[in-house]
Amino acid sequence: MAPPAEAIEFFAHGSSEPDAAREKLRTANWYGNDAMWVVLPDRGELVGRLDDKIPPYRLKRGRVQYEARQLDATRTVPRQPIGVDAYGDIGFAAGGPAFPTVGCWEVTYTLDGHDALSFVLRVR
């Protein structure tokens, strides 16, 4: 499934070089479902960036929440809202989990408690 054109356009429009960004975004590591999409880091790894965010782009109206759990230890990031009212109830939602430590993390975003989007990242 290809990412939605409106998500590509939103992120490209925020760039100082939108044409170049648009081309790069077309081949980015997109992951999503019928409710929201994210751009994951290359090879699913965040390297040296524990506080990087992976903001979702919502195709449906609603509030995004996230939670994360470390798969190679017992740490968790409890459920929290993303971008509360900052960008409206559809489209871009600013934010995402900051990871307290390196490791392998499963992150789940939900939209109003439904439409779960889960992915695994290696944070090192």
PDB file of N, CA and C in Angstrom:
ATOM      1  N   MET A   1       0.838  -1.163   0.000  1.00  0.00           N
ATOM      2  CA  MET A   1       0.000   0.000   0.000  1.00  0.00           C
ATOM      3  C   MET A   1       0.895   1.243   0.000  1.00  0.00           C
ATOM      4  N   ALA A   2       0.615   2.169  -0.848  1.00  0.00           N
ATOM      5  CA  ALA A   2       1.412   3.390  -0.982  1.00  0.00           C
ATOM      6  C   ALA A   2       0.927   4.450   0.004  1.00  0.00           C
ATOM      7  N   PRO A   3       1.824   5.339   0.429  1.00  0.00           N
ATOM      8  CA  PRO A   3       1.397   6.407   1.334  1.00  0.00           C
ATOM      9  C   PRO A   3       0.445   7.356   0.622  1.00  0.00           C
ATOM     10  N   PRO A   4      -0.408   8.012   1.369  1.00  0.00           N
ATOM     11  CA  PRO A   4      -1.347   8.944   0.755  1.00  0.00           C
ATOM     12  C   PRO A   4      -0.637  10.190   0.230  1.00  0.00           C
ATOM     13  N   ALA A   5      -1.093  10.670  -0.907  1.00  0.00           N
ATOM     14  CA  ALA A   5      -0.488  11.852  -1.530  1.00  0.00           C
ATOM     15  C   ALA A   5      -0.536  13.058  -0.612  1.00  0.00           C
ATOM     16  N   GLU A   6      -1.608  13.213   0.165  1.00  0.00           N
ATOM     17  CA  GLU A   6      -1.717  14.385   1.033  1.00  0.00           C
ATOM     18  C   GLU A   6      -0.657  14.384   2.133  1.00  0.00           C
ATOM     19  N   ALA A   7      -0.226  13.209   2.588  1.00  0.00           N
ATOM     20  CA  ALA A   7       0.836  13.142   3.595  1.00  0.00           C
ATOM     21  C   ALA A   7       2.168  13.568   2.981  1.00  0.00           C
ATOM     22  N   ILE A   8       2.451  13.070   1.786  1.00  0.00           N
ATOM     23  CA  ILE A   8       3.683  13.454   1.094  1.00  0.00           C
ATOM     24  C   ILE A   8       3.699  14.969   0.881  1.00  0.00           C
ATOM     25  N   GLU A   9       2.595  15.510   0.423  1.00  0.00           N
ATOM     26  CA  GLU A   9       2.521  16.955   0.163  1.00  0.00           C
ATOM     27  C   GLU A   9       2.674  17.775   1.432  1.00  0.00           C
ATOM     28  N   PHE A  10       2.078  17.310   2.528  1.00  0.00           N
ATOM     29  CA  PHE A  10       2.200  18.055   3.778  1.00  0.00           C
ATOM     30  C   PHE A  10       3.666  18.165   4.198  1.00  0.00           C
ATOM     31  N   PHE A  11       4.367  17.039   4.224  1.00  0.00           N
ATOM     32  CA  PHE A  11       5.768  17.057   4.661  1.00  0.00           C
ATOM     33  C   PHE A  11       6.663  17.791   3.660  1.00  0.00           C
ATOM     34  N   ALA A  12       6.399  17.656   2.378  1.00  0.00           N
ATOM     35  CA  ALA A  12       7.202  18.349   1.360  1.00  0.00           C
ATOM     36  C   ALA A  12       7.001  19.856   1.459  1.00  0.00           C
ATOM     37  N   HIS A  13       5.776  20.275   1.702  1.00  0.00           N
ATOM     38  CA  HIS A  13       5.464  21.706   1.786  1.00  0.00           C
ATOM     39  C   HIS A  13       6.211  22.381   2.938  1.00  0.00           C
ATOM     40  N   GLY A  14       6.507  21.632   4.001  1.00  0.00           N
ATOM     41  CA  GLY A  14       7.228  22.184   5.147  1.00  0.00           C
ATOM     42  C   GLY A  14       8.723  22.287   4.941  1.00  0.00           C
ATOM     43  N   SER A  15       9.206  21.821   3.805  1.00  0.00           N
ATOM     44  CA  SER A  15      10.644  21.840   3.521  1.00  0.00           C
ATOM     45  C   SER A  15      11.044  23.135   2.822  1.00  0.00           C
ATOM     46  N   SER A  16      12.315  23.510   2.992  1.00  0.00           N
ATOM     47  CA  SER A  16      12.825  24.681   2.269  1.00  0.00           C
ATOM     48  C   SER A  16      13.044  24.359   0.792  1.00  0.00           C
ATOM     49  N   GLU A  17      13.087  23.067   0.460  1.00  0.00           N
ATOM     50  CA  GLU A  17      13.216  22.615  -0.925  1.00  0.00           C
ATOM     51  C   GLU A  17      12.119  21.582  -1.197  1.00  0.00           C
ATOM     52  N   PRO A  18      10.892  22.027  -1.399  1.00  0.00           N
ATOM     53  CA  PRO A  18       9.767  21.093  -1.494  1.00  0.00           C
ATOM     54  C   PRO A  18       9.861  20.087  -2.639  1.00  0.00           C
ATOM     55  N   ASP A  19      10.401  20.479  -3.786  1.00  0.00           N
ATOM     56  CA  ASP A  19      10.495  19.528  -4.896  1.00  0.00           C
ATOM     57  C   ASP A  19      11.439  18.375  -4.554  1.00  0.00           C
ATOM     58  N   ALA A  20      12.585  18.699  -3.989  1.00  0.00           N
ATOM     59  CA  ALA A  20      13.542  17.666  -3.585  1.00  0.00           C
ATOM     60  C   ALA A  20      12.966  16.807  -2.460  1.00  0.00           C
ATOM     61  N   ALA A  21      12.300  17.444  -1.511  1.00  0.00           N
ATOM     62  CA  ALA A  21      11.693  16.703  -0.405  1.00  0.00           C
ATOM     63  C   ALA A  21      10.615  15.756  -0.914  1.00  0.00           C
ATOM     64  N   ARG A  22       9.812  16.220  -1.854  1.00  0.00           N
ATOM     65  CA  ARG A  22       8.742  15.397  -2.429  1.00  0.00           C
ATOM     66  C   ARG A  22       9.319  14.128  -3.063  1.00  0.00           C
ATOM     67  N   GLU A  23      10.396  14.272  -3.804  1.00  0.00           N
ATOM     68  CA  GLU A  23      11.039  13.110  -4.431  1.00  0.00           C
ATOM     69  C   GLU A  23      11.571  12.142  -3.380  1.00  0.00           C
ATOM     70  N   LYS A  24      12.215  12.671  -2.347  1.00  0.00           N
ATOM     71  CA  LYS A  24      12.746  11.821  -1.279  1.00  0.00           C
ATOM     72  C   LYS A  24      11.616  11.126  -0.520  1.00  0.00           C
ATOM     73  N   LEU A  25      10.535  11.851  -0.256  1.00  0.00           N
ATOM     74  CA  LEU A  25       9.407  11.287   0.480  1.00  0.00           C
ATOM     75  C   LEU A  25       8.714  10.160  -0.290  1.00  0.00           C
ATOM     76  N   ARG A  26       8.736  10.212  -1.585  1.00  0.00           N
ATOM     77  CA  ARG A  26       8.089   9.158  -2.382  1.00  0.00           C
ATOM     78  C   ARG A  26       8.748   7.795  -2.178  1.00  0.00           C
ATOM     79  N   THR A  27      10.015   7.784  -1.793  1.00  0.00           N
ATOM     80  CA  THR A  27      10.727   6.519  -1.581  1.00  0.00           C
ATOM     81  C   THR A  27      11.103   6.304  -0.117  1.00  0.00           C
ATOM     82  N   ALA A  28      10.527   7.105   0.771  1.00  0.00           N
ATOM     83  CA  ALA A  28      10.812   6.985   2.202  1.00  0.00           C
ATOM     84  C   ALA A  28      10.231   5.680   2.747  1.00  0.00           C
ATOM     85  N   ASN A  29      10.598   5.365   3.961  1.00  0.00           N
ATOM     86  CA  ASN A  29      10.170   4.138   4.634  1.00  0.00           C
ATOM     87  C   ASN A  29       8.796   4.363   5.296  1.00  0.00           C
ATOM     88  N   TRP A  30       7.762   4.520   4.460  1.00  0.00           N
ATOM     89  CA  TRP A  30       6.402   4.757   4.939  1.00  0.00           C
ATOM     90  C   TRP A  30       5.794   3.475   5.493  1.00  0.00           C
ATOM     91  N   TYR A  31       4.957   3.638   6.518  1.00  0.00           N
ATOM     92  CA  TYR A  31       4.226   2.512   7.087  1.00  0.00           C
ATOM     93  C   TYR A  31       2.888   3.046   7.563  1.00  0.00           C
ATOM     94  N   GLY A  32       1.809   2.342   7.250  1.00  0.00           N
ATOM     95  CA  GLY A  32       0.517   2.850   7.675  1.00  0.00           C
ATOM     96  C   GLY A  32      -0.629   1.903   7.457  1.00  0.00           C
ATOM     97  N   ASN A  33      -1.813   2.422   7.739  1.00  0.00           N
ATOM     98  CA  ASN A  33      -3.055   1.683   7.547  1.00  0.00           C
ATOM     99  C   ASN A  33      -4.114   2.673   7.034  1.00  0.00           C
ATOM    100  N   ASP A  34      -5.373   2.318   7.108  1.00  0.00           N
ATOM    101  CA  ASP A  34      -6.395   3.212   6.563  1.00  0.00           C
ATOM    102  C   ASP A  34      -6.694   4.405   7.469  1.00  0.00           C
ATOM    103  N   ALA A  35      -6.060   4.475   8.642  1.00  0.00           N
ATOM    104  CA  ALA A  35      -6.306   5.578   9.572  1.00  0.00           C
ATOM    105  C   ALA A  35      -5.145   6.553   9.689  1.00  0.00           C
ATOM    106  N   MET A  36      -3.894   6.062   9.617  1.00  0.00           N
ATOM    107  CA  MET A  36      -2.739   6.951   9.776  1.00  0.00           C
ATOM    108  C   MET A  36      -1.480   6.321   9.206  1.00  0.00           C
ATOM    109  N   TRP A  37      -0.518   7.197   8.910  1.00  0.00           N
ATOM    110  CA  TRP A  37       0.753   6.805   8.325  1.00  0.00           C
ATOM    111  C   TRP A  37       1.908   7.492   9.043  1.00  0.00           C
ATOM    112  N   VAL A  38       3.067   6.824   9.057  1.00  0.00           N
ATOM    113  CA  VAL A  38       4.297   7.384   9.608  1.00  0.00           C
ATOM    114  C   VAL A  38       5.439   7.119   8.632  1.00  0.00           C
ATOM    115  N   VAL A  39       6.499   7.899   8.767  1.00  0.00           N
ATOM    116  CA  VAL A  39       7.742   7.627   8.043  1.00  0.00           C
ATOM    117  C   VAL A  39       8.720   7.084   9.068  1.00  0.00           C
ATOM    118  N   LEU A  40       9.087   5.826   8.908  1.00  0.00           N
ATOM    119  CA  LEU A  40      10.027   5.194   9.830  1.00  0.00           C
ATOM    120  C   LEU A  40      11.458   5.468   9.382  1.00  0.00           C
ATOM    121  N   PRO A  41      12.395   5.452  10.319  1.00  0.00           N
ATOM    122  CA  PRO A  41      13.794   5.661   9.941  1.00  0.00           C
ATOM    123  C   PRO A  41      14.291   4.500   9.075  1.00  0.00           C
ATOM    124  N   ASP A  42      15.332   4.774   8.294  1.00  0.00           N
ATOM    125  CA  ASP A  42      15.929   3.724   7.463  1.00  0.00           C
ATOM    126  C   ASP A  42      16.300   2.522   8.320  1.00  0.00           C
ATOM    127  N   ARG A  43      16.032   1.347   7.804  1.00  0.00           N
ATOM    128  CA  ARG A  43      16.315   0.074   8.467  1.00  0.00           C
ATOM    129  C   ARG A  43      15.648  -0.051   9.837  1.00  0.00           C
ATOM    130  N   GLY A  44      14.689   0.836  10.133  1.00  0.00           N
ATOM    131  CA  GLY A  44      13.988   0.765  11.412  1.00  0.00           C
ATOM    132  C   GLY A  44      14.844   1.102  12.608  1.00  0.00           C
ATOM    133  N   GLU A  45      15.902   1.907  12.399  1.00  0.00           N
ATOM    134  CA  GLU A  45      16.823   2.240  13.484  1.00  0.00           C
ATOM    135  C   GLU A  45      16.886   3.740  13.736  1.00  0.00           C
ATOM    136  N   LEU A  46      16.762   4.107  14.993  1.00  0.00           N
ATOM    137  CA  LEU A  46      17.065   5.466  15.431  1.00  0.00           C
ATOM    138  C   LEU A  46      18.462   5.404  16.039  1.00  0.00           C
ATOM    139  N   VAL A  47      19.410   6.060  15.436  1.00  0.00           N
ATOM    140  CA  VAL A  47      20.795   5.970  15.892  1.00  0.00           C
ATOM    141  C   VAL A  47      21.182   7.271  16.588  1.00  0.00           C
ATOM    142  N   GLY A  48      21.498   7.174  17.883  1.00  0.00           N
ATOM    143  CA  GLY A  48      21.945   8.325  18.649  1.00  0.00           C
ATOM    144  C   GLY A  48      20.895   9.395  18.839  1.00  0.00           C
ATOM    145  N   ARG A  49      19.621   9.020  18.735  1.00  0.00           N
ATOM    146  CA  ARG A  49      18.546  10.027  18.795  1.00  0.00           C
ATOM    147  C   ARG A  49      17.379   9.498  19.630  1.00  0.00           C
ATOM    148  N   LEU A  50      17.565   9.379  20.928  1.00  0.00           N
ATOM    149  CA  LEU A  50      16.520   8.832  21.788  1.00  0.00           C
ATOM    150  C   LEU A  50      15.262   9.691  21.808  1.00  0.00           C
ATOM    151  N   ASP A  51      15.419  10.992  21.545  1.00  0.00           N
ATOM    152  CA  ASP A  51      14.254  11.874  21.632  1.00  0.00           C
ATOM    153  C   ASP A  51      13.657  12.245  20.277  1.00  0.00           C
ATOM    154  N   ASP A  52      14.072  11.573  19.206  1.00  0.00           N
ATOM    155  CA  ASP A  52      13.437  11.811  17.904  1.00  0.00           C
ATOM    156  C   ASP A  52      11.979  11.384  17.960  1.00  0.00           C
ATOM    157  N   LYS A  53      11.156  12.108  17.267  1.00  0.00           N
ATOM    158  CA  LYS A  53       9.725  11.798  17.216  1.00  0.00           C
ATOM    159  C   LYS A  53       9.376  11.223  15.844  1.00  0.00           C
ATOM    160  N   ILE A  54       8.350  10.401  15.818  1.00  0.00           N
ATOM    161  CA  ILE A  54       7.829   9.847  14.569  1.00  0.00           C
ATOM    162  C   ILE A  54       6.363  10.266  14.505  1.00  0.00           C
ATOM    163  N   PRO A  55       6.101  11.462  13.949  1.00  0.00           N
ATOM    164  CA  PRO A  55       4.735  11.982  13.958  1.00  0.00           C
ATOM    165  C   PRO A  55       3.842  11.269  12.945  1.00  0.00           C
ATOM    166  N   PRO A  56       2.633  10.952  13.337  1.00  0.00           N
ATOM    167  CA  PRO A  56       1.693  10.334  12.399  1.00  0.00           C
ATOM    168  C   PRO A  56       0.953  11.377  11.570  1.00  0.00           C
ATOM    169  N   TYR A  57       0.530  10.948  10.405  1.00  0.00           N
ATOM    170  CA  TYR A  57      -0.353  11.736   9.551  1.00  0.00           C
ATOM    171  C   TYR A  57      -1.686  11.002   9.524  1.00  0.00           C
ATOM    172  N   ARG A  58      -2.735  11.645  10.031  1.00  0.00           N
ATOM    173  CA  ARG A  58      -4.054  11.004  10.179  1.00  0.00           C
ATOM    174  C   ARG A  58      -4.911  11.175   8.936  1.00  0.00           C
ATOM    175  N   LEU A  59      -5.466  10.077   8.477  1.00  0.00           N
ATOM    176  CA  LEU A  59      -6.411  10.108   7.370  1.00  0.00           C
ATOM    177  C   LEU A  59      -7.851  10.178   7.874  1.00  0.00           C
ATOM    178  N   LYS A  60      -8.037   9.811   9.124  1.00  0.00           N
ATOM    179  CA  LYS A  60      -9.347   9.868   9.766  1.00  0.00           C
ATOM    180  C   LYS A  60      -9.286  10.903  10.888  1.00  0.00           C
ATOM    181  N   ARG A  61     -10.430  11.413  11.249  1.00  0.00           N
ATOM    182  CA  ARG A  61     -10.503  12.372  12.354  1.00  0.00           C
ATOM    183  C   ARG A  61     -10.296  11.657  13.678  1.00  0.00           C
ATOM    184  N   GLY A  62      -9.631  12.336  14.601  1.00  0.00           N
ATOM    185  CA  GLY A  62      -9.469  11.785  15.934  1.00  0.00           C
ATOM    186  C   GLY A  62      -8.161  12.183  16.566  1.00  0.00           C
ATOM    187  N   ARG A  63      -8.030  11.824  17.807  1.00  0.00           N
ATOM    188  CA  ARG A  63      -6.824  12.108  18.582  1.00  0.00           C
ATOM    189  C   ARG A  63      -5.935  10.872  18.628  1.00  0.00           C
ATOM    190  N   VAL A  64      -4.662  11.110  18.443  1.00  0.00           N
ATOM    191  CA  VAL A  64      -3.680  10.025  18.471  1.00  0.00           C
ATOM    192  C   VAL A  64      -3.130   9.878  19.878  1.00  0.00           C
ATOM    193  N   GLN A  65      -2.986   8.636  20.299  1.00  0.00           N
ATOM    194  CA  GLN A  65      -2.268   8.309  21.525  1.00  0.00           C
ATOM    195  C   GLN A  65      -1.191   7.308  21.157  1.00  0.00           C
ATOM    196  N   TYR A  66      -0.131   7.258  21.951  1.00  0.00           N
ATOM    197  CA  TYR A  66       0.909   6.265  21.722  1.00  0.00           C
ATOM    198  C   TYR A  66       1.291   5.606  23.034  1.00  0.00           C
ATOM    199  N   GLU A  67       1.849   4.438  22.905  1.00  0.00           N
ATOM    200  CA  GLU A  67       2.508   3.767  24.008  1.00  0.00           C
ATOM    201  C   GLU A  67       3.635   2.953  23.416  1.00  0.00           C
ATOM    202  N   ALA A  68       4.639   2.662  24.224  1.00  0.00           N
ATOM    203  CA  ALA A  68       5.786   1.903  23.742  1.00  0.00           C
ATOM    204  C   ALA A  68       6.248   0.961  24.842  1.00  0.00           C
ATOM    205  N   ARG A  69       6.755  -0.177  24.407  1.00  0.00           N
ATOM    206  CA  ARG A  69       7.331  -1.107  25.380  1.00  0.00           C
ATOM    207  C   ARG A  69       8.628  -1.649  24.811  1.00  0.00           C
ATOM    208  N   GLN A  70       9.584  -1.786  25.694  1.00  0.00           N
ATOM    209  CA  GLN A  70      10.887  -2.284  25.279  1.00  0.00           C
ATOM    210  C   GLN A  70      10.822  -3.798  25.219  1.00  0.00           C
ATOM    211  N   LEU A  71      11.170  -4.360  24.089  1.00  0.00           N
ATOM    212  CA  LEU A  71      11.060  -5.806  23.885  1.00  0.00           C
ATOM    213  C   LEU A  71      12.233  -6.579  24.484  1.00  0.00           C
ATOM    214  N   ASP A  72      13.371  -5.917  24.656  1.00  0.00           N
ATOM    215  CA  ASP A  72      14.549  -6.607  25.195  1.00  0.00           C
ATOM    216  C   ASP A  72      14.822  -6.208  26.651  1.00  0.00           C
ATOM    217  N   ALA A  73      13.823  -5.687  27.345  1.00  0.00           N
ATOM    218  CA  ALA A  73      13.888  -5.332  28.763  1.00  0.00           C
ATOM    219  C   ALA A  73      12.449  -5.123  29.237  1.00  0.00           C
ATOM    220  N   THR A  74      12.275  -4.512  30.401  1.00  0.00           N
ATOM    221  CA  THR A  74      10.926  -4.364  30.951  1.00  0.00           C
ATOM    222  C   THR A  74      10.446  -2.916  31.003  1.00  0.00           C
ATOM    223  N   ARG A  75      11.102  -2.020  30.314  1.00  0.00           N
ATOM    224  CA  ARG A  75      10.694  -0.618  30.343  1.00  0.00           C
ATOM    225  C   ARG A  75       9.482  -0.377  29.446  1.00  0.00           C
ATOM    226  N   THR A  76       8.703   0.630  29.830  1.00  0.00           N
ATOM    227  CA  THR A  76       7.558   1.042  29.016  1.00  0.00           C
ATOM    228  C   THR A  76       7.491   2.565  28.968  1.00  0.00           C
ATOM    229  N   VAL A  77       6.837   3.062  27.951  1.00  0.00           N
ATOM    230  CA  VAL A  77       6.450   4.464  27.874  1.00  0.00           C
ATOM    231  C   VAL A  77       4.935   4.431  27.926  1.00  0.00           C
ATOM    232  N   PRO A  78       4.338   4.943  29.007  1.00  0.00           N
ATOM    233  CA  PRO A  78       2.880   4.816  29.150  1.00  0.00           C
ATOM    234  C   PRO A  78       2.113   5.583  28.078  1.00  0.00           C
ATOM    235  N   ARG A  79       0.864   5.193  27.923  1.00  0.00           N
ATOM    236  CA  ARG A  79      -0.018   5.811  26.916  1.00  0.00           C
ATOM    237  C   ARG A  79      -0.090   7.318  27.147  1.00  0.00           C
ATOM    238  N   GLN A  80       0.117   8.061  26.046  1.00  0.00           N
ATOM    239  CA  GLN A  80       0.088   9.520  26.103  1.00  0.00           C
ATOM    240  C   GLN A  80      -0.517  10.056  24.814  1.00  0.00           C
ATOM    241  N   PRO A  81      -1.132  11.243  24.879  1.00  0.00           N
ATOM    242  CA  PRO A  81      -1.676  11.851  23.656  1.00  0.00           C
ATOM    243  C   PRO A  81      -0.578  12.506  22.826  1.00  0.00           C
ATOM    244  N   ILE A  82      -0.827  12.634  21.546  1.00  0.00           N
ATOM    245  CA  ILE A  82       0.070  13.330  20.619  1.00  0.00           C
ATOM    246  C   ILE A  82      -0.639  14.561  20.091  1.00  0.00           C
ATOM    247  N   GLY A  83       0.076  15.662  20.038  1.00  0.00           N
ATOM    248  CA  GLY A  83      -0.383  16.854  19.335  1.00  0.00           C
ATOM    249  C   GLY A  83      -1.787  17.292  19.660  1.00  0.00           C
ATOM    250  N   VAL A  84      -2.122  17.311  20.917  1.00  0.00           N
ATOM    251  CA  VAL A  84      -3.479  17.647  21.324  1.00  0.00           C
ATOM    252  C   VAL A  84      -3.877  19.010  20.765  1.00  0.00           C
ATOM    253  N   ASP A  85      -4.801  19.002  19.837  1.00  0.00           N
ATOM    254  CA  ASP A  85      -5.410  20.194  19.236  1.00  0.00           C
ATOM    255  C   ASP A  85      -4.449  21.121  18.490  1.00  0.00           C
ATOM    256  N   ALA A  86      -3.180  20.795  18.405  1.00  0.00           N
ATOM    257  CA  ALA A  86      -2.223  21.703  17.767  1.00  0.00           C
ATOM    258  C   ALA A  86      -2.465  21.830  16.264  1.00  0.00           C
ATOM    259  N   TYR A  87      -2.860  20.762  15.622  1.00  0.00           N
ATOM    260  CA  TYR A  87      -3.043  20.777  14.175  1.00  0.00           C
ATOM    261  C   TYR A  87      -4.445  20.359  13.750  1.00  0.00           C
ATOM    262  N   GLY A  88      -5.397  20.404  14.651  1.00  0.00           N
ATOM    263  CA  GLY A  88      -6.747  19.983  14.314  1.00  0.00           C
ATOM    264  C   GLY A  88      -6.939  18.499  14.550  1.00  0.00           C
ATOM    265  N   ASP A  89      -8.046  17.962  14.068  1.00  0.00           N
ATOM    266  CA  ASP A  89      -8.366  16.562  14.354  1.00  0.00           C
ATOM    267  C   ASP A  89      -8.173  15.629  13.157  1.00  0.00           C
ATOM    268  N   ILE A  90      -7.492  16.107  12.114  1.00  0.00           N
ATOM    269  CA  ILE A  90      -7.156  15.267  10.966  1.00  0.00           C
ATOM    270  C   ILE A  90      -5.843  15.798  10.390  1.00  0.00           C
ATOM    271  N   GLY A  91      -5.112  14.946   9.702  1.00  0.00           N
ATOM    272  CA  GLY A  91      -3.822  15.359   9.147  1.00  0.00           C
ATOM    273  C   GLY A  91      -2.694  15.150  10.128  1.00  0.00           C
ATOM    274  N   PHE A  92      -1.710  16.019  10.078  1.00  0.00           N
ATOM    275  CA  PHE A  92      -0.500  15.916  10.883  1.00  0.00           C
ATOM    276  C   PHE A  92      -0.799  16.012  12.368  1.00  0.00           C
ATOM    277  N   ALA A  93      -0.114  15.175  13.146  1.00  0.00           N
ATOM    278  CA  ALA A  93      -0.159  15.246  14.606  1.00  0.00           C
ATOM    279  C   ALA A  93       1.283  15.275  15.101  1.00  0.00           C
ATOM    280  N   ALA A  94       1.685  16.360  15.721  1.00  0.00           N
ATOM    281  CA  ALA A  94       3.073  16.532  16.157  1.00  0.00           C
ATOM    282  C   ALA A  94       3.362  15.685  17.384  1.00  0.00           C
ATOM    283  N   GLY A  95       4.493  14.994  17.368  1.00  0.00           N
ATOM    284  CA  GLY A  95       4.939  14.281  18.554  1.00  0.00           C
ATOM    285  C   GLY A  95       5.182  12.810  18.329  1.00  0.00           C
ATOM    286  N   GLY A  96       5.314  12.118  19.422  1.00  0.00           N
ATOM    287  CA  GLY A  96       5.612  10.698  19.445  1.00  0.00           C
ATOM    288  C   GLY A  96       6.477  10.408  20.655  1.00  0.00           C
ATOM    289  N   PRO A  97       6.728   9.155  20.919  1.00  0.00           N
ATOM    290  CA  PRO A  97       7.470   8.814  22.137  1.00  0.00           C
ATOM    291  C   PRO A  97       8.937   9.228  22.071  1.00  0.00           C
ATOM    292  N   ALA A  98       9.457   9.612  23.216  1.00  0.00           N
ATOM    293  CA  ALA A  98      10.899   9.739  23.418  1.00  0.00           C
ATOM    294  C   ALA A  98      11.291   8.485  24.186  1.00  0.00           C
ATOM    295  N   PHE A  99      12.378   7.875  23.802  1.00  0.00           N
ATOM    296  CA  PHE A  99      12.757   6.596  24.393  1.00  0.00           C
ATOM    297  C   PHE A  99      13.736   6.824  25.539  1.00  0.00           C
ATOM    298  N   PRO A 100      13.466   6.231  26.709  1.00  0.00           N
ATOM    299  CA  PRO A 100      14.321   6.472  27.870  1.00  0.00           C
ATOM    300  C   PRO A 100      15.670   5.757  27.806  1.00  0.00           C
ATOM    301  N   THR A 101      15.794   4.798  26.891  1.00  0.00           N
ATOM    302  CA  THR A 101      17.037   4.041  26.803  1.00  0.00           C
ATOM    303  C   THR A 101      17.151   3.371  25.436  1.00  0.00           C
ATOM    304  N   VAL A 102      18.340   2.949  25.102  1.00  0.00           N
ATOM    305  CA  VAL A 102      18.535   2.209  23.858  1.00  0.00           C
ATOM    306  C   VAL A 102      17.895   0.837  23.993  1.00  0.00           C
ATOM    307  N   GLY A 103      17.612   0.211  22.846  1.00  0.00           N
ATOM    308  CA  GLY A 103      17.032  -1.117  22.851  1.00  0.00           C
ATOM    309  C   GLY A 103      16.067  -1.303  21.705  1.00  0.00           C
ATOM    310  N   CYS A 104      15.321  -2.372  21.772  1.00  0.00           N
ATOM    311  CA  CYS A 104      14.326  -2.708  20.767  1.00  0.00           C
ATOM    312  C   CYS A 104      12.953  -2.349  21.338  1.00  0.00           C
ATOM    313  N   TRP A 105      12.231  -1.470  20.638  1.00  0.00           N
ATOM    314  CA  TRP A 105      10.972  -0.932  21.130  1.00  0.00           C
ATOM    315  C   TRP A 105       9.820  -1.213  20.172  1.00  0.00           C
ATOM    316  N   GLU A 106       8.695  -1.642  20.735  1.00  0.00           N
ATOM    317  CA  GLU A 106       7.457  -1.747  19.976  1.00  0.00           C
ATOM    318  C   GLU A 106       6.606  -0.522  20.321  1.00  0.00           C
ATOM    319  N   VAL A 107       6.215   0.217  19.305  1.00  0.00           N
ATOM    320  CA  VAL A 107       5.423   1.435  19.474  1.00  0.00           C
ATOM    321  C   VAL A 107       4.050   1.182  18.861  1.00  0.00           C
ATOM    322  N   THR A 108       3.018   1.601  19.570  1.00  0.00           N
ATOM    323  CA  THR A 108       1.658   1.493  19.044  1.00  0.00           C
ATOM    324  C   THR A 108       0.977   2.844  19.137  1.00  0.00           C
ATOM    325  N   TYR A 109       0.495   3.322  18.002  1.00  0.00           N
ATOM    326  CA  TYR A 109      -0.328   4.523  17.930  1.00  0.00           C
ATOM    327  C   TYR A 109      -1.767   4.057  17.758  1.00  0.00           C
ATOM    328  N   THR A 110      -2.692   4.749  18.411  1.00  0.00           N
ATOM    329  CA  THR A 110      -4.114   4.492  18.193  1.00  0.00           C
ATOM    330  C   THR A 110      -4.806   5.824  17.915  1.00  0.00           C
ATOM    331  N   LEU A 111      -5.896   5.743  17.235  1.00  0.00           N
ATOM    332  CA  LEU A 111      -6.697   6.917  16.902  1.00  0.00           C
ATOM    333  C   LEU A 111      -8.026   6.779  17.634  1.00  0.00           C
ATOM    334  N   ASP A 112      -8.225   7.612  18.654  1.00  0.00           N
ATOM    335  CA  ASP A 112      -9.405   7.515  19.514  1.00  0.00           C
ATOM    336  C   ASP A 112      -9.596   6.098  20.057  1.00  0.00           C
ATOM    337  N   GLY A 113      -8.480   5.452  20.377  1.00  0.00           N
ATOM    338  CA  GLY A 113      -8.533   4.115  20.955  1.00  0.00           C
ATOM    339  C   GLY A 113      -8.715   2.992  19.955  1.00  0.00           C
ATOM    340  N   HIS A 114      -8.766   3.298  18.665  1.00  0.00           N
ATOM    341  CA  HIS A 114      -8.985   2.298  17.618  1.00  0.00           C
ATOM    342  C   HIS A 114      -7.899   2.439  16.556  1.00  0.00           C
ATOM    343  N   ASP A 115      -7.997   1.642  15.511  1.00  0.00           N
ATOM    344  CA  ASP A 115      -7.115   1.747  14.340  1.00  0.00           C
ATOM    345  C   ASP A 115      -5.645   1.683  14.727  1.00  0.00           C
ATOM    346  N   ALA A 116      -5.273   0.687  15.516  1.00  0.00           N
ATOM    347  CA  ALA A 116      -3.898   0.568  16.003  1.00  0.00           C
ATOM    348  C   ALA A 116      -2.895   0.452  14.844  1.00  0.00           C
ATOM    349  N   LEU A 117      -1.805   1.179  14.988  1.00  0.00           N
ATOM    350  CA  LEU A 117      -0.677   1.120  14.053  1.00  0.00           C
ATOM    351  C   LEU A 117       0.553   0.823  14.894  1.00  0.00           C
ATOM    352  N   SER A 118       1.081  -0.400  14.776  1.00  0.00           N
ATOM    353  CA  SER A 118       2.223  -0.832  15.585  1.00  0.00           C
ATOM    354  C   SER A 118       3.441  -1.080  14.713  1.00  0.00           C
ATOM    355  N   PHE A 119       4.602  -0.739  15.248  1.00  0.00           N
ATOM    356  CA  PHE A 119       5.853  -0.975  14.550  1.00  0.00           C
ATOM    357  C   PHE A 119       6.961  -1.163  15.578  1.00  0.00           C
ATOM    358  N   VAL A 120       8.053  -1.747  15.148  1.00  0.00           N
ATOM    359  CA  VAL A 120       9.201  -2.010  16.021  1.00  0.00           C
ATOM    360  C   VAL A 120      10.386  -1.210  15.528  1.00  0.00           C
ATOM    361  N   LEU A 121      11.093  -0.597  16.475  1.00  0.00           N
ATOM    362  CA  LEU A 121      12.294   0.190  16.172  1.00  0.00           C
ATOM    363  C   LEU A 121      13.454  -0.290  17.009  1.00  0.00           C
ATOM    364  N   ARG A 122      14.626  -0.190  16.452  1.00  0.00           N
ATOM    365  CA  ARG A 122      15.847  -0.393  17.230  1.00  0.00           C
ATOM    366  C   ARG A 122      16.393   0.990  17.546  1.00  0.00           C
ATOM    367  N   VAL A 123      16.551   1.290  18.805  1.00  0.00           N
ATOM    368  CA  VAL A 123      17.073   2.577  19.246  1.00  0.00           C
ATOM    369  C   VAL A 123      18.470   2.317  19.790  1.00  0.00           C
ATOM    370  N   ARG A 124      19.450   2.978  19.153  1.00  0.00           N
ATOM    371  CA  ARG A 124      20.829   2.772  19.640  1.00  0.00           C
ATOM    372  C   ARG A 124      21.644   4.040  19.558  1.00  0.00           C
TER     373      ARG A 124
END
